[in-house]
C-alpha atoms as a PDB file:
ATOM      1  CA  MET A   1      98.145  99.438  99.617  1.00  0.00           C
ATOM      2  CA  MET A   2     101.765 100.006  98.601  1.00  0.00           C
ATOM      3  CA  LEU A   3     102.921 102.603  96.073  1.00  0.00           C
ATOM      4  CA  ARG A   4     105.799 101.694  93.781  1.00  0.00           C
ATOM      5  CA  GLN A   5     107.341 103.172  90.661  1.00  0.00           C
ATOM      6  CA  ILE A   6     107.973 101.056  87.600  1.00  0.00           C
ATOM      7  CA  CYS A   7     109.779 102.117  84.427  1.00  0.00           C
ATOM      8  CA  LEU A   8     107.908 101.281  81.213  1.00  0.00           C
ATOM      9  CA  GLU A   9     109.594 102.162  77.935  1.00  0.00           C
ATOM     10  CA  GLY A  10     111.455 105.025  79.566  1.00  0.00           C
ATOM     11  CA  GLN A  11     108.439 106.345  81.495  1.00  0.00           C
ATOM     12  CA  SER A  12     108.230 106.251  85.283  1.00  0.00           C
ATOM     13  CA  ILE A  13     104.784 104.887  86.201  1.00  0.00           C
ATOM     14  CA  ASP A  14     103.175 105.023  89.649  1.00  0.00           C
ATOM     15  CA  CYS A  15     101.915 101.576  90.548  1.00  0.00           C
ATOM     16  CA  GLN A  16      99.619 100.893  93.499  1.00  0.00           C
ATOM     17  CA  VAL A  17      99.964  97.307  94.715  1.00  0.00           C
ATOM     18  CA  LYS A  18      97.225  95.756  96.825  1.00  0.00           C
ATOM     19  CA  ARG A  19      97.743  92.242  98.152  1.00  0.00           C
ATOM     20  CA  SER A  20      94.917  90.063  99.439  1.00  0.00           C
ATOM     21  CA  ARG A  21      93.771  86.454  99.662  1.00  0.00           C
ATOM     22  CA  ARG A  22      92.743  86.414  96.034  1.00  0.00           C
ATOM     23  CA  LYS A  23      94.162  83.686  93.770  1.00  0.00           C
ATOM     24  CA  THR A  24      94.714  85.654  90.582  1.00  0.00           C
ATOM     25  CA  VAL A  25      96.416  88.906  89.588  1.00  0.00           C
ATOM     26  CA  GLY A  26      94.398  91.796  88.199  1.00  0.00           C
ATOM     27  CA  LEU A  27      95.529  95.023  86.536  1.00  0.00           C
ATOM     28  CA  SER A  28      93.322  98.093  86.371  1.00  0.00           C
ATOM     29  CA  ILE A  29      93.790 101.662  85.122  1.00  0.00           C
ATOM     30  CA  THR A  30      91.927 104.642  86.580  1.00  0.00           C
ATOM     31  CA  HIS A  31      92.517 108.381  86.884  1.00  0.00           C
ATOM     32  CA  GLN A  32      94.785 107.464  89.818  1.00  0.00           C
ATOM     33  CA  GLY A  33      97.050 105.392  87.589  1.00  0.00           C
ATOM     34  CA  LEU A  34      97.946 101.705  87.529  1.00  0.00           C
ATOM     35  CA  GLN A  35      96.702  99.380  90.266  1.00  0.00           C
ATOM     36  CA  VAL A  36      97.797  95.782  90.703  1.00  0.00           C
ATOM     37  CA  ASN A  37      95.640  93.450  92.818  1.00  0.00           C
ATOM     38  CA  ALA A  38      97.708  90.391  93.666  1.00  0.00           C
ATOM     39  CA  PRO A  39      97.750  87.367  95.992  1.00  0.00           C
ATOM     40  CA  LYS A  40      99.702  87.855  99.214  1.00  0.00           C
ATOM     41  CA  GLU A  41     102.446  85.468  98.120  1.00  0.00           C
ATOM     42  CA  PHE A  42     102.986  87.209  94.747  1.00  0.00           C
ATOM     43  CA  SER A  43     106.480  88.764  94.864  1.00  0.00           C
ATOM     44  CA  ASP A  44     107.532  92.255  93.750  1.00  0.00           C
ATOM     45  CA  ILE A  45     109.719  90.676  91.069  1.00  0.00           C
ATOM     46  CA  ALA A  46     106.756  88.735  89.699  1.00  0.00           C
ATOM     47  CA  ILE A  47     104.674  91.928  89.663  1.00  0.00           C
ATOM     48  CA  ASP A  48     107.420  93.781  87.778  1.00  0.00           C
ATOM     49  CA  GLU A  49     107.620  91.001  85.189  1.00  0.00           C
ATOM     50  CA  LEU A  50     103.846  90.965  84.704  1.00  0.00           C
ATOM     51  CA  VAL A  51     103.630  94.750  84.342  1.00  0.00           C
ATOM     52  CA  GLN A  52     106.486  94.768  81.849  1.00  0.00           C
ATOM     53  CA  SER A  53     104.761  92.077  79.782  1.00  0.00           C
ATOM     54  CA  LYS A  54     101.630  94.256  79.612  1.00  0.00           C
ATOM     55  CA  SER A  55     103.474  97.537  78.969  1.00  0.00           C
ATOM     56  CA  ASP A  56     101.763  98.350  75.640  1.00  0.00           C
ATOM     57  CA  TRP A  57      98.292  97.859  77.115  1.00  0.00           C
ATOM     58  CA  ILE A  58      99.135  99.827  80.264  1.00  0.00           C
ATOM     59  CA  LEU A  59     100.632 102.802  78.405  1.00  0.00           C
ATOM     60  CA  ASN A  60      97.712 102.923  75.949  1.00  0.00           C
ATOM     61  CA  LYS A  61      95.169 102.886  78.778  1.00  0.00           C
ATOM     62  CA  LEU A  62      97.067 105.532  80.737  1.00  0.00           C
ATOM     63  CA  ALA A  63      97.085 107.761  77.634  1.00  0.00           C
ATOM     64  CA  VAL A  64      93.305 107.380  77.321  1.00  0.00           C
ATOM     65  CA  TRP A  65      92.772 108.275  80.976  1.00  0.00           C
ATOM     66  CA  GLY A  66      95.177 111.181  80.653  1.00  0.00           C
ATOM     67  CA  ASN A  67      92.827 112.761  78.107  1.00  0.00           C
ATOM     68  CA  LYS A  68      89.799 112.500  80.392  1.00  0.00           C
ATOM     69  CA  THR A  69      88.558 115.382  82.543  1.00  0.00           C
ATOM     70  CA  SER A  70      88.575 114.469  86.217  1.00  0.00           C
ATOM     71  CA  LEU A  71      85.432 115.275  88.196  1.00  0.00           C
ATOM     72  CA  ASP A  72      87.260 115.320  91.515  1.00  0.00           C
ATOM     73  CA  PRO A  73      86.862 119.015  92.425  1.00  0.00           C
ATOM     74  CA  PHE A  74      89.528 118.882  95.134  1.00  0.00           C
ATOM     75  CA  GLY A  75      91.953 116.569  93.359  1.00  0.00           C
ATOM     76  CA  SER A  76      95.458 117.416  92.262  1.00  0.00           C
ATOM     77  CA  GLN A  77      94.277 117.924  88.665  1.00  0.00           C
ATOM     78  CA  ASN A  78      92.195 120.933  89.746  1.00  0.00           C
ATOM     79  CA  ASP A  79      95.084 123.277  90.545  1.00  0.00           C
ATOM     80  CA  SER A  80      93.321 126.013  88.580  1.00  0.00           C
ATOM     81  CA  ALA A  81      90.481 126.071  91.166  1.00  0.00           C
ATOM     82  CA  GLU A  82      87.790 125.684  88.504  1.00  0.00           C
ATOM     83  CA  TYR A  83      84.585 124.158  89.802  1.00  0.00           C
ATOM     84  CA  LEU A  84      82.228 122.814  87.169  1.00  0.00           C
ATOM     85  CA  LEU A  85      78.466 123.059  87.578  1.00  0.00           C
ATOM     86  CA  PHE A  86      76.213 121.946  84.694  1.00  0.00           C
ATOM     87  CA  GLY A  87      79.254 122.239  82.397  1.00  0.00           C
ATOM     88  CA  GLN A  88      79.997 125.844  83.340  1.00  0.00           C
ATOM     89  CA  VAL A  89      82.992 127.070  85.317  1.00  0.00           C
ATOM     90  CA  TRP A  90      82.509 128.617  88.755  1.00  0.00           C
ATOM     91  CA  LYS A  91      84.925 129.753  91.435  1.00  0.00           C
ATOM     92  CA  PRO A  92      84.683 130.465  95.147  1.00  0.00           C
ATOM     93  CA  LYS A  93      84.782 134.065  96.285  1.00  0.00           C
ATOM     94  CA  ILE A  94      85.435 134.880  99.924  1.00  0.00           C
ATOM     95  CA  ASP A  95      84.349 138.295 101.160  1.00  0.00           C
ATOM     96  CA  ALA A  96      85.974 140.496 103.803  1.00  0.00           C
ATOM     97  CA  ILE A  97      84.248 138.722 106.698  1.00  0.00           C
ATOM     98  CA  GLY A  98      84.952 135.221 105.418  1.00  0.00           C
ATOM     99  CA  ARG A  99      81.638 134.327 103.807  1.00  0.00           C
ATOM    100  CA  ILE A 100      81.818 132.143 100.695  1.00  0.00           C
ATOM    101  CA  GLN A 101      79.830 132.385  97.510  1.00  0.00           C
ATOM    102  CA  MET A 102      80.268 130.811  94.103  1.00  0.00           C
ATOM    103  CA  VAL A 103      80.474 133.077  91.067  1.00  0.00           C
ATOM    104  CA  ARG A 104      80.618 132.322  87.346  1.00  0.00           C
ATOM    105  CA  ASP A 105      84.159 132.452  85.989  1.00  0.00           C
ATOM    106  CA  ASP A 106      84.155 133.365  82.319  1.00  0.00           C
ATOM    107  CA  THR A 107      87.835 134.362  82.303  1.00  0.00           C
ATOM    108  CA  HIS A 108      89.345 131.156  83.765  1.00  0.00           C
ATOM    109  CA  ALA A 109      91.899 133.408  85.416  1.00  0.00           C
ATOM    110  CA  THR A 110      91.765 131.909  88.913  1.00  0.00           C
ATOM    111  CA  LYS A 111      95.167 131.618  90.529  1.00  0.00           C
ATOM    112  CA  GLN A 112      96.432 128.248  91.709  1.00  0.00           C
ATOM    113  CA  SER A 113      96.932 129.511  95.250  1.00  0.00           C
ATOM    114  CA  GLU A 114      93.204 130.211  95.616  1.00  0.00           C
ATOM    115  CA  HIS A 115      92.517 126.495  95.353  1.00  0.00           C
ATOM    116  CA  ARG A 116      95.319 125.367  97.618  1.00  0.00           C
ATOM    117  CA  ASP A 117      94.463 127.896 100.328  1.00  0.00           C
ATOM    118  CA  LEU A 118      90.847 126.773 100.723  1.00  0.00           C
ATOM    119  CA  SER A 119      90.100 125.849 104.320  1.00  0.00           C
ATOM    120  CA  GLU A 120      88.429 122.599 105.271  1.00  0.00           C
ATOM    121  CA  SER A 121      85.240 124.525 106.097  1.00  0.00           C
ATOM    122  CA  ALA A 122      85.322 126.150 102.642  1.00  0.00           C
ATOM    123  CA  ARG A 123      85.629 122.756 100.984  1.00  0.00           C
ATOM    124  CA  LYS A 124      82.685 121.455 103.014  1.00  0.00           C
ATOM    125  CA  TRP A 125      80.685 124.519 101.950  1.00  0.00           C
ATOM    126  CA  ILE A 126      81.480 123.828  98.276  1.00  0.00           C
ATOM    127  CA  MET A 127      80.489 120.172  98.689  1.00  0.00           C
ATOM    128  CA  ASN A 128      77.182 121.253 100.210  1.00  0.00           C
ATOM    129  CA  TRP A 129      76.705 123.656  97.286  1.00  0.00           C
ATOM    130  CA  TYR A 130      77.191 120.764  94.888  1.00  0.00           C
ATOM    131  CA  ARG A 131      74.837 118.486  96.800  1.00  0.00           C
ATOM    132  CA  GLN A 132      72.053 121.086  96.936  1.00  0.00           C
ATOM    133  CA  HIS A 133      72.206 121.651  93.177  1.00  0.00           C
ATOM    134  CA  ALA A 134      72.414 117.905  92.517  1.00  0.00           C
ATOM    135  CA  GLU A 135      69.419 117.032  94.682  1.00  0.00           C
ATOM    136  CA  LYS A 136      67.264 119.785  93.189  1.00  0.00           C
ATOM    137  CA  TYR A 137      68.096 119.083  89.541  1.00  0.00           C
ATOM    138  CA  PHE A 138      68.133 115.277  89.766  1.00  0.00           C
ATOM    139  CA  ASN A 139      64.801 115.238  91.579  1.00  0.00           C
ATOM    140  CA  ALA A 140      63.152 117.471  88.963  1.00  0.00           C
ATOM    141  CA  ARG A 141      64.484 115.493  85.993  1.00  0.00           C
ATOM    142  CA  ILE A 142      63.609 112.118  87.537  1.00  0.00           C
ATOM    143  CA  ALA A 143      60.032 113.353  87.928  1.00  0.00           C
ATOM    144  CA  PHE A 144      59.971 114.611  84.328  1.00  0.00           C
ATOM    145  CA  TYR A 145      61.324 111.452  82.709  1.00  0.00           C
ATOM    146  CA  ALA A 146      59.344 109.110  84.964  1.00  0.00           C
ATOM    147  CA  ASP A 147      56.233 110.832  83.619  1.00  0.00           C
ATOM    148  CA  GLU A 148      57.547 110.378  80.057  1.00  0.00           C
ATOM    149  CA  LEU A 149      57.960 106.655  80.753  1.00  0.00           C
ATOM    150  CA  ASN A 150      54.555 106.477  82.453  1.00  0.00           C
ATOM    151  CA  ILE A 151      56.002 105.047  85.668  1.00  0.00           C
ATOM    152  CA  PRO A 152      55.738 106.249  89.285  1.00  0.00           C
ATOM    153  CA  LYS A 153      58.480 108.633  90.344  1.00  0.00           C
ATOM    154  CA  PRO A 154      61.065 106.521  92.204  1.00  0.00           C
ATOM    155  CA  SER A 155      63.045 107.581  95.224  1.00  0.00           C
ATOM    156  CA  PHE A 156      66.706 108.373  94.675  1.00  0.00           C
ATOM    157  CA  LYS A 157      69.866 108.793  96.659  1.00  0.00           C
ATOM    158  CA  LEU A 158      73.117 110.555  95.933  1.00  0.00           C
ATOM    159  CA  SER A 159      76.057 108.247  95.431  1.00  0.00           C
ATOM    160  CA  ARG A 160      79.782 108.728  95.999  1.00  0.00           C
ATOM    161  CA  ALA A 161      80.825 105.752  93.866  1.00  0.00           C
ATOM    162  CA  ARG A 162      84.152 106.048  92.051  1.00  0.00           C
ATOM    163  CA  THR A 163      83.308 103.827  89.092  1.00  0.00           C
ATOM    164  CA  ARG A 164      79.594 104.291  88.275  1.00  0.00           C
ATOM    165  CA  TRP A 165      77.507 107.241  87.141  1.00  0.00           C
ATOM    166  CA  GLY A 166      74.363 105.666  88.506  1.00  0.00           C
ATOM    167  CA  SER A 167      72.658 102.448  89.508  1.00  0.00           C
ATOM    168  CA  CYS A 168      69.208 100.984  90.098  1.00  0.00           C
ATOM    169  CA  ASN A 169      68.215  98.129  92.389  1.00  0.00           C
ATOM    170  CA  ASN A 170      65.292  95.712  92.410  1.00  0.00           C
ATOM    171  CA  ARG A 171      63.597  97.750  95.157  1.00  0.00           C
ATOM    172  CA  GLY A 172      63.179 100.582  92.665  1.00  0.00           C
ATOM    173  CA  VAL A 173      65.725 102.919  94.246  1.00  0.00           C
ATOM    174  CA  ILE A 174      67.946 104.940  91.928  1.00  0.00           C
ATOM    175  CA  ARG A 175      71.393 106.113  92.948  1.00  0.00           C
ATOM    176  CA  LEU A 176      73.011 108.970  91.036  1.00  0.00           C
ATOM    177  CA  ASN A 177      76.605 110.036  91.471  1.00  0.00           C
ATOM    178  CA  TRP A 178      76.738 113.563  92.898  1.00  0.00           C
ATOM    179  CA  ARG A 179      79.636 114.342  90.535  1.00  0.00           C
ATOM    180  CA  LEU A 180      77.172 114.211  87.633  1.00  0.00           C
ATOM    181  CA  VAL A 181      76.057 117.730  88.571  1.00  0.00           C
ATOM    182  CA  GLN A 182      79.337 119.011  87.128  1.00  0.00           C
ATOM    183  CA  LEU A 183      78.442 117.789  83.629  1.00  0.00           C
ATOM    184  CA  PRO A 184      76.406 119.509  80.909  1.00  0.00           C
ATOM    185  CA  VAL A 185      72.708 118.908  81.509  1.00  0.00           C
ATOM    186  CA  HIS A 186      72.196 116.744  78.410  1.00  0.00           C
ATOM    187  CA  LEU A 187      74.681 114.197  79.797  1.00  0.00           C
ATOM    188  CA  ILE A 188      73.024 114.238  83.230  1.00  0.00           C
ATOM    189  CA  ASP A 189      69.660 113.648  81.593  1.00  0.00           C
ATOM    190  CA  TYR A 190      70.978 110.643  79.675  1.00  0.00           C
ATOM    191  CA  VAL A 191      72.179 108.949  82.874  1.00  0.00           C
ATOM    192  CA  ILE A 192      68.822 109.617  84.531  1.00  0.00           C
ATOM    193  CA  VAL A 193      66.924 108.159  81.555  1.00  0.00           C
ATOM    194  CA  HIS A 194      69.259 105.149  81.524  1.00  0.00           C
ATOM    195  CA  GLU A 195      68.599 104.347  85.170  1.00  0.00           C
ATOM    196  CA  LEU A 196      64.852 104.959  84.931  1.00  0.00           C
ATOM    197  CA  CYS A 197      64.627 102.546  82.032  1.00  0.00           C
ATOM    198  CA  HIS A 198      66.157  99.890  84.256  1.00  0.00           C
ATOM    199  CA  LEU A 199      63.024 100.089  86.373  1.00  0.00           C
ATOM    200  CA  ILE A 200      61.254  98.573  83.377  1.00  0.00           C
ATOM    201  CA  GLU A 201      64.046  96.459  81.880  1.00  0.00           C
ATOM    202  CA  MET A 202      66.629  95.310  84.463  1.00  0.00           C
ATOM    203  CA  ASN A 203      69.159  94.414  81.773  1.00  0.00           C
ATOM    204  CA  HIS A 204      70.899  95.834  78.702  1.00  0.00           C
ATOM    205  CA  SER A 205      68.854  93.901  76.180  1.00  0.00           C
ATOM    206  CA  ARG A 206      67.600  95.128  72.820  1.00  0.00           C
ATOM    207  CA  ASN A 207      64.315  96.041  74.487  1.00  0.00           C
ATOM    208  CA  PHE A 208      66.158  98.148  77.055  1.00  0.00           C
ATOM    209  CA  TRP A 209      68.033 100.184  74.444  1.00  0.00           C
ATOM    210  CA  ALA A 210      64.850 100.636  72.403  1.00  0.00           C
ATOM    211  CA  LEU A 211      63.212 102.029  75.529  1.00  0.00           C
ATOM    212  CA  VAL A 212      66.136 104.425  76.083  1.00  0.00           C
ATOM    213  CA  ALA A 213      66.080 105.529  72.449  1.00  0.00           C
ATOM    214  CA  GLY A 214      62.360 106.248  72.653  1.00  0.00           C
ATOM    215  CA  ILE A 215      62.972 108.821  75.390  1.00  0.00           C
ATOM    216  CA  TYR A 216      66.525 109.916  74.573  1.00  0.00           C
ATOM    217  CA  PRO A 217      67.225 109.354  70.839  1.00  0.00           C
ATOM    218  CA  ASN A 218      70.769 110.762  70.993  1.00  0.00           C
ATOM    219  CA  PHE A 219      71.933 108.350  73.689  1.00  0.00           C
ATOM    220  CA  ARG A 220      74.973 107.170  71.711  1.00  0.00           C
ATOM    221  CA  GLN A 221      76.308 110.727  71.443  1.00  0.00           C
ATOM    222  CA  ALA A 222      75.742 111.095  75.183  1.00  0.00           C
ATOM    223  CA  GLN A 223      77.720 107.922  75.847  1.00  0.00           C
ATOM    224  CA  GLY A 224      80.581 109.408  73.844  1.00  0.00           C
ATOM    225  CA  GLY A 225      80.356 112.610  75.852  1.00  0.00           C
ATOM    226  CA  LEU A 226      80.475 110.733  79.159  1.00  0.00           C
ATOM    227  CA  SER A 227      83.573 108.841  78.052  1.00  0.00           C
ATOM    228  CA  ARG A 228      85.539 112.110  78.136  1.00  0.00           C
ATOM    229  CA  TYR A 229      85.134 112.338  81.912  1.00  0.00           C
ATOM    230  CA  CYS A 230      86.307 110.219  84.829  1.00  0.00           C
ATOM    231  CA  LEU A 231      85.045 109.990  88.378  1.00  0.00           C
END
């Protein structure tokens, strides 16, 4: 992966270029910026020309992503050291002997240095805190909605995917992104219902959406809410 900077309409854009044996060129926009996937023989000049030709699309997509809330708790966008849990803001507090606990932060007054000074062990502790809450809540809600759908409670695993909230395979195993635990509970519940319904309808047909609506009538509002966040 090579990082370059390209000027689009007066704006300096970070561009990650990944070359491989593929035959076509692909452009994608994420919270990390612009990524170009190109064949090995595709030159830098050709990449520049392609990016320039797609400048309107790229800038529009970057603006959309710029308005999304990142759910990377240790990313550069979290300089304020705010850690979301079920849509509420928490912060780490370290006592005199170095023990960590998470406390509700209703003032949002955490200093930037508190985030940057976190040790690796503190970050691991926070990750474990997230995972414990995720496993407990996801497990309880899967059991609840499986009963609503009159299906056996499936097994589930936590996922670290960077592009999907959840998934379901033909073996009946549900994967839920651990980052979901940062969202308000009504959005978490929608993702759980969505994946459970795939155990009955492994598609996005009319029957599938009717099944979702029967359990979660406000699913379209939830989809809108999810679109304001990025993994």
